[in-house]
Amino acid sequence: MSKIETTPAPGAAVGSCKTCGYSPVAFGARACPNCGSRNPNPGVCDRITGRGMLIGLVGGFLVGGVLGYFSKPEDGAVGAIAGALVGAIAGLIVGLAGGLMLTFVAWLTGKR
C-alpha cells in the first residue's frame, strides 16, 4: 500500500494512529496514511456508542436468557434461547440510545 502524503486542515482535531502511532491523523479518518489500517483514530462518538452497544447486547442477552429460562418451567431451554435473542435485540437498541446520549453529553462538555 502506498503512503499518502496528507496534511490536516488548520484547526482540525487530530491525534495518532492506534496501530502504528503515526501522527497527525484526523478523528474519524477512513485509513491511516502511514500503515493503511481502518479507522485509525476513532472519534468520541464511535468509541462511546460502540461500547454502549456491546454492553447492551451482552447484558440484554444474559438478562433475556435468564428470564426466558425461568418463565415456563417445562420449556426452559426454548424459553432461554428465545429470551436471549429478544433480550439481545432490545439491549442493542438501548445501548445505542444510551451511547448516543452519552456522546451528546461529551459533545456539550467539549470532548472530541
Protein backbone atom coordinates (compact mmCIF):
# COMPACT_ATOMS: atom_id res chain seq x y z
CA MET A 1 0.00 0.00 0.00
CA SER A 2 1.40 3.39 -0.92
CA LYS A 3 1.81 6.09 1.65
CA ILE A 4 -0.44 9.06 1.13
CA GLU A 5 1.00 12.44 1.95
CA THR A 6 -1.72 14.47 3.63
CA THR A 7 -1.70 17.47 5.87
CA PRO A 8 -4.62 18.10 8.22
CA ALA A 9 -6.69 21.22 7.75
CA PRO A 10 -5.79 24.12 10.05
CA GLY A 11 -7.73 23.81 13.31
CA ALA A 12 -8.77 20.21 12.63
CA ALA A 13 -8.95 17.80 15.54
CA VAL A 14 -6.09 15.33 15.15
CA GLY A 15 -4.46 12.53 17.10
CA SER A 16 -2.32 9.50 16.38
CA CYS A 17 -2.96 6.11 14.78
CA LYS A 18 -3.88 3.39 17.29
CA THR A 19 -1.97 0.78 15.24
CA CYS A 20 1.35 2.37 14.25
CA GLY A 21 1.37 5.60 16.29
CA TYR A 22 1.66 7.85 13.22
CA SER A 23 0.62 11.44 13.86
CA PRO A 24 -1.27 13.54 12.73
CA VAL A 25 -4.34 11.50 11.85
CA ALA A 26 -7.75 13.19 11.83
CA PHE A 27 -10.54 11.83 14.05
CA GLY A 28 -12.86 9.61 12.04
CA ALA A 29 -10.35 9.13 9.18
CA ARG A 30 -11.09 6.10 7.00
CA ALA A 31 -7.49 4.86 6.87
CA CYS A 32 -4.11 5.74 8.33
CA PRO A 33 -1.90 7.50 5.76
CA ASN A 34 1.13 5.60 7.09
CA CYS A 35 0.05 1.97 7.61
CA GLY A 36 -3.39 1.90 5.96
CA SER A 37 -5.28 0.45 8.95
CA ARG A 38 -9.02 1.06 9.01
CA ASN A 39 -10.46 3.64 11.45
CA PRO A 40 -7.06 4.56 12.92
CA ASN A 41 -8.27 7.32 15.21
CA PRO A 42 -11.93 6.84 16.15
CA GLY A 43 -13.84 9.84 17.41
CA VAL A 44 -15.62 10.04 20.73
CA CYS A 45 -18.96 9.11 19.14
CA ASP A 46 -17.54 5.91 17.66
CA ARG A 47 -15.91 4.87 20.92
CA ILE A 48 -18.79 5.62 23.29
CA THR A 49 -21.60 4.35 21.07
CA GLY A 50 -19.74 1.16 20.13
CA ARG A 51 -19.03 0.30 23.74
CA GLY A 52 -22.61 1.13 24.76
CA MET A 53 -23.99 -1.17 22.08
CA LEU A 54 -21.65 -4.00 23.10
CA ILE A 55 -22.57 -3.67 26.77
CA GLY A 56 -26.28 -3.51 25.89
CA LEU A 57 -26.01 -6.56 23.63
CA VAL A 58 -24.28 -8.73 26.24
CA GLY A 59 -26.48 -7.50 29.10
CA GLY A 60 -29.70 -8.00 27.14
CA PHE A 61 -28.58 -11.46 26.03
CA LEU A 62 -27.88 -12.55 29.61
CA VAL A 63 -30.96 -11.00 31.20
CA GLY A 64 -33.26 -12.24 28.42
CA GLY A 65 -31.83 -15.74 28.65
CA VAL A 66 -32.29 -15.94 32.41
CA LEU A 67 -35.82 -14.53 32.30
CA GLY A 68 -36.76 -16.80 29.39
CA TYR A 69 -35.45 -19.86 31.22
CA PHE A 70 -37.50 -19.19 34.34
CA SER A 71 -40.68 -18.01 32.57
CA LYS A 72 -42.02 -21.53 31.89
CA PRO A 73 -40.55 -24.44 33.83
CA GLU A 74 -41.45 -27.06 31.19
CA ASP A 75 -39.87 -25.15 28.24
CA GLY A 76 -36.68 -23.94 29.91
CA ALA A 77 -34.21 -24.33 27.03
CA VAL A 78 -36.51 -22.96 24.34
CA GLY A 79 -37.52 -20.04 26.53
CA ALA A 80 -33.90 -19.29 27.33
CA ILE A 81 -32.91 -19.16 23.66
CA ALA A 82 -35.92 -17.04 22.67
CA GLY A 83 -35.45 -14.74 25.63
CA ALA A 84 -31.75 -14.34 24.89
CA LEU A 85 -32.42 -13.37 21.28
CA VAL A 86 -35.17 -10.90 22.13
CA GLY A 87 -33.14 -9.51 25.01
CA ALA A 88 -30.07 -9.09 22.80
CA ILE A 89 -32.00 -7.04 20.25
CA ALA A 90 -33.58 -4.90 22.95
CA GLY A 91 -30.21 -4.46 24.69
CA LEU A 92 -28.58 -3.44 21.43
CA ILE A 93 -31.17 -0.73 20.87
CA VAL A 94 -30.96 0.50 24.46
CA GLY A 95 -27.15 0.50 24.26
CA LEU A 96 -27.28 2.53 21.05
CA ALA A 97 -29.63 5.09 22.58
CA GLY A 98 -27.56 5.31 25.76
CA GLY A 99 -24.33 5.65 23.81
CA LEU A 100 -25.73 8.44 21.68
CA MET A 101 -26.97 10.28 24.79
CA LEU A 102 -23.54 9.98 26.41
CA THR A 103 -21.96 11.19 23.18
CA PHE A 104 -24.20 14.26 23.26
CA VAL A 105 -23.15 14.96 26.85
CA ALA A 106 -19.49 14.56 25.85
CA TRP A 107 -20.04 16.95 22.94
CA LEU A 108 -21.62 19.52 25.30
CA THR A 109 -18.62 19.32 27.63
CA GLY A 110 -16.20 19.83 24.74
CA LYS A 111 -14.75 16.31 24.48
CA ARG A 112 -13.53 15.45 20.96
